[in-house]
Amino acid sequence: MTKSVIEEDLTLDGNLSSKEGGVEVKGKVLGNVTAISVIIRDKGTIDGTLTASSVSIEGNYNGTLKCEDLKVTATSDVKGDVSAKTMTTESGSKIAGKVSIGVS
């Protein structure tokens, strides 16, 4: 599986799709993201709809998220509607919005 990386000094204004790989966001994405797996690093931000099988959020997310497995770390800040089959959260994580677990 290949991985695309949005580095810290990069802002992507538009939609991002990776049909066979993952996306690692260290910078900023202003648009919808679709991939097999998505990792939002500590200083990373996604502002838009996010659809993936596996999502790990260490940074900031704002939008509508739909995935199978979600991990929200202590440094994360999530705002929006979340729908996942499973979710793991660390103490200190911030989530504001509608959260639906056990559905996809």
C-alpha atoms as a PDB file:
ATOM      1  CA  MET A   1       0.000   0.000   0.000  1.00  0.00           C
ATOM      2  CA  THR A   2       1.372   3.401  -0.969  1.00  0.00           C
ATOM      3  CA  LYS A   3       1.166   6.480   1.252  1.00  0.00           C
ATOM      4  CA  SER A   4       0.828  10.113   0.214  1.00  0.00           C
ATOM      5  CA  VAL A   5       2.154  12.738   2.633  1.00  0.00           C
ATOM      6  CA  ILE A   6       0.975  16.342   2.932  1.00  0.00           C
ATOM      7  CA  GLU A   7       3.969  17.993   4.627  1.00  0.00           C
ATOM      8  CA  GLU A   8       3.773  20.704   7.327  1.00  0.00           C
ATOM      9  CA  ASP A   9       4.512  23.558   4.905  1.00  0.00           C
ATOM     10  CA  LEU A  10       1.809  22.502   2.422  1.00  0.00           C
ATOM     11  CA  THR A  11      -1.846  23.586   2.212  1.00  0.00           C
ATOM     12  CA  LEU A  12      -3.976  21.616  -0.238  1.00  0.00           C
ATOM     13  CA  ASP A  13      -7.136  23.488  -1.255  1.00  0.00           C
ATOM     14  CA  GLY A  14      -9.309  20.867  -2.972  1.00  0.00           C
ATOM     15  CA  ASN A  15     -10.408  17.256  -2.721  1.00  0.00           C
ATOM     16  CA  LEU A  16      -7.931  14.407  -2.214  1.00  0.00           C
ATOM     17  CA  SER A  17      -8.579  10.781  -3.184  1.00  0.00           C
ATOM     18  CA  SER A  18      -6.316   7.742  -2.844  1.00  0.00           C
ATOM     19  CA  LYS A  19      -8.067   4.552  -3.990  1.00  0.00           C
ATOM     20  CA  GLU A  20      -5.280   2.116  -3.114  1.00  0.00           C
ATOM     21  CA  GLY A  21      -3.282   3.799  -0.398  1.00  0.00           C
ATOM     22  CA  GLY A  22      -3.132   5.945   2.657  1.00  0.00           C
ATOM     23  CA  VAL A  23      -2.807   9.637   3.331  1.00  0.00           C
ATOM     24  CA  GLU A  24      -0.717  11.217   6.078  1.00  0.00           C
ATOM     25  CA  VAL A  25      -1.517  14.863   6.788  1.00  0.00           C
ATOM     26  CA  LYS A  26       1.118  16.963   8.540  1.00  0.00           C
ATOM     27  CA  GLY A  27      -0.007  20.199   6.876  1.00  0.00           C
ATOM     28  CA  LYS A  28      -3.495  21.389   5.960  1.00  0.00           C
ATOM     29  CA  VAL A  29      -6.184  19.984   3.651  1.00  0.00           C
ATOM     30  CA  LEU A  30      -9.179  22.199   2.860  1.00  0.00           C
ATOM     31  CA  GLY A  31     -11.472  19.763   1.070  1.00  0.00           C
ATOM     32  CA  ASN A  32     -12.814  16.228   1.115  1.00  0.00           C
ATOM     33  CA  VAL A  33     -10.459  13.275   1.671  1.00  0.00           C
ATOM     34  CA  THR A  34     -11.129   9.674   0.612  1.00  0.00           C
ATOM     35  CA  ALA A  35      -8.529   6.932   1.191  1.00  0.00           C
ATOM     36  CA  ILE A  36      -8.009   3.475   2.648  1.00  0.00           C
ATOM     37  CA  SER A  37      -6.301   4.978   5.699  1.00  0.00           C
ATOM     38  CA  VAL A  38      -5.804   8.541   6.926  1.00  0.00           C
ATOM     39  CA  ILE A  39      -3.500   9.812   9.646  1.00  0.00           C
ATOM     40  CA  ILE A  40      -3.776  13.426  10.770  1.00  0.00           C
ATOM     41  CA  ARG A  41      -0.525  14.215  12.571  1.00  0.00           C
ATOM     42  CA  ASP A  42      -0.208  16.528  15.593  1.00  0.00           C
ATOM     43  CA  LYS A  43       0.102  19.758  13.566  1.00  0.00           C
ATOM     44  CA  GLY A  44      -2.090  18.529  10.706  1.00  0.00           C
ATOM     45  CA  THR A  45      -5.589  19.737   9.817  1.00  0.00           C
ATOM     46  CA  ILE A  46      -8.388  18.472   7.593  1.00  0.00           C
ATOM     47  CA  ASP A  47     -11.424  20.669   7.024  1.00  0.00           C
ATOM     48  CA  GLY A  48     -13.962  18.691   4.968  1.00  0.00           C
ATOM     49  CA  THR A  49     -15.636  15.306   4.634  1.00  0.00           C
ATOM     50  CA  LEU A  50     -13.354  12.384   5.499  1.00  0.00           C
ATOM     51  CA  THR A  51     -14.094   8.814   4.368  1.00  0.00           C
ATOM     52  CA  ALA A  52     -11.666   5.952   5.047  1.00  0.00           C
ATOM     53  CA  SER A  53     -11.451   2.459   6.447  1.00  0.00           C
ATOM     54  CA  SER A  54      -8.975   3.463   9.164  1.00  0.00           C
ATOM     55  CA  VAL A  55      -8.527   6.968  10.633  1.00  0.00           C
ATOM     56  CA  SER A  56      -6.106   8.185  13.295  1.00  0.00           C
ATOM     57  CA  ILE A  57      -6.403  11.779  14.497  1.00  0.00           C
ATOM     58  CA  GLU A  58      -3.604  13.457  16.433  1.00  0.00           C
ATOM     59  CA  GLY A  59      -4.288  16.973  15.120  1.00  0.00           C
ATOM     60  CA  ASN A  60      -7.377  18.934  14.058  1.00  0.00           C
ATOM     61  CA  TYR A  61     -10.396  17.735  12.119  1.00  0.00           C
ATOM     62  CA  ASN A  62     -13.541  19.654  11.193  1.00  0.00           C
ATOM     63  CA  GLY A  63     -16.298  18.068   9.093  1.00  0.00           C
ATOM     64  CA  THR A  64     -18.183  14.807   8.602  1.00  0.00           C
ATOM     65  CA  LEU A  65     -16.152  11.661   9.241  1.00  0.00           C
ATOM     66  CA  LYS A  66     -17.139   8.117   8.250  1.00  0.00           C
ATOM     67  CA  CYS A  67     -14.838   5.146   8.850  1.00  0.00           C
ATOM     68  CA  GLU A  68     -14.543   1.585  10.129  1.00  0.00           C
ATOM     69  CA  ASP A  69     -11.870   2.109  12.818  1.00  0.00           C
ATOM     70  CA  LEU A  70     -11.181   5.463  14.474  1.00  0.00           C
ATOM     71  CA  LYS A  71      -8.391   6.383  16.878  1.00  0.00           C
ATOM     72  CA  VAL A  72      -8.524   9.779  18.583  1.00  0.00           C
ATOM     73  CA  THR A  73      -5.383  10.698  20.527  1.00  0.00           C
ATOM     74  CA  ALA A  74      -4.888  13.048  23.488  1.00  0.00           C
ATOM     75  CA  THR A  75      -3.664  15.861  21.199  1.00  0.00           C
ATOM     76  CA  SER A  76      -6.680  15.729  18.858  1.00  0.00           C
ATOM     77  CA  ASP A  77      -9.431  18.299  18.369  1.00  0.00           C
ATOM     78  CA  VAL A  78     -12.420  16.932  16.424  1.00  0.00           C
ATOM     79  CA  LYS A  79     -15.450  19.043  15.481  1.00  0.00           C
ATOM     80  CA  GLY A  80     -18.297  17.569  13.442  1.00  0.00           C
ATOM     81  CA  ASP A  81     -20.294  14.403  12.898  1.00  0.00           C
ATOM     82  CA  VAL A  82     -18.456  11.120  13.448  1.00  0.00           C
ATOM     83  CA  SER A  83     -19.652   7.674  12.344  1.00  0.00           C
ATOM     84  CA  ALA A  84     -17.461   4.607  12.974  1.00  0.00           C
ATOM     85  CA  LYS A  85     -17.755   0.900  13.703  1.00  0.00           C
ATOM     86  CA  THR A  86     -15.106   1.116  16.440  1.00  0.00           C
ATOM     87  CA  MET A  87     -13.487   4.064  18.211  1.00  0.00           C
ATOM     88  CA  THR A  88     -10.551   4.353  20.594  1.00  0.00           C
ATOM     89  CA  THR A  89     -10.007   7.591  22.499  1.00  0.00           C
ATOM     90  CA  GLU A  90      -7.184   8.728  24.728  1.00  0.00           C
ATOM     91  CA  SER A  91      -7.655  10.869  27.808  1.00  0.00           C
ATOM     92  CA  GLY A  92      -7.500  14.541  26.825  1.00  0.00           C
ATOM     93  CA  SER A  93      -8.945  14.146  23.338  1.00  0.00           C
ATOM     94  CA  LYS A  94     -11.573  16.718  22.322  1.00  0.00           C
ATOM     95  CA  ILE A  95     -14.675  15.774  20.334  1.00  0.00           C
ATOM     96  CA  ALA A  96     -17.580  18.168  19.699  1.00  0.00           C
ATOM     97  CA  GLY A  97     -20.519  17.021  17.563  1.00  0.00           C
ATOM     98  CA  LYS A  98     -22.661  13.980  16.890  1.00  0.00           C
ATOM     99  CA  VAL A  99     -20.859  10.667  17.465  1.00  0.00           C
ATOM    100  CA  SER A 100     -22.293   7.336  16.248  1.00  0.00           C
ATOM    101  CA  ILE A 101     -20.285   4.220  17.101  1.00  0.00           C
ATOM    102  CA  GLY A 102     -21.124   0.701  15.944  1.00  0.00           C
ATOM    103  CA  VAL A 103     -22.543   1.847  12.609  1.00  0.00           C
ATOM    104  CA  SER A 104     -20.907   2.601   9.284  1.00  0.00           C
END
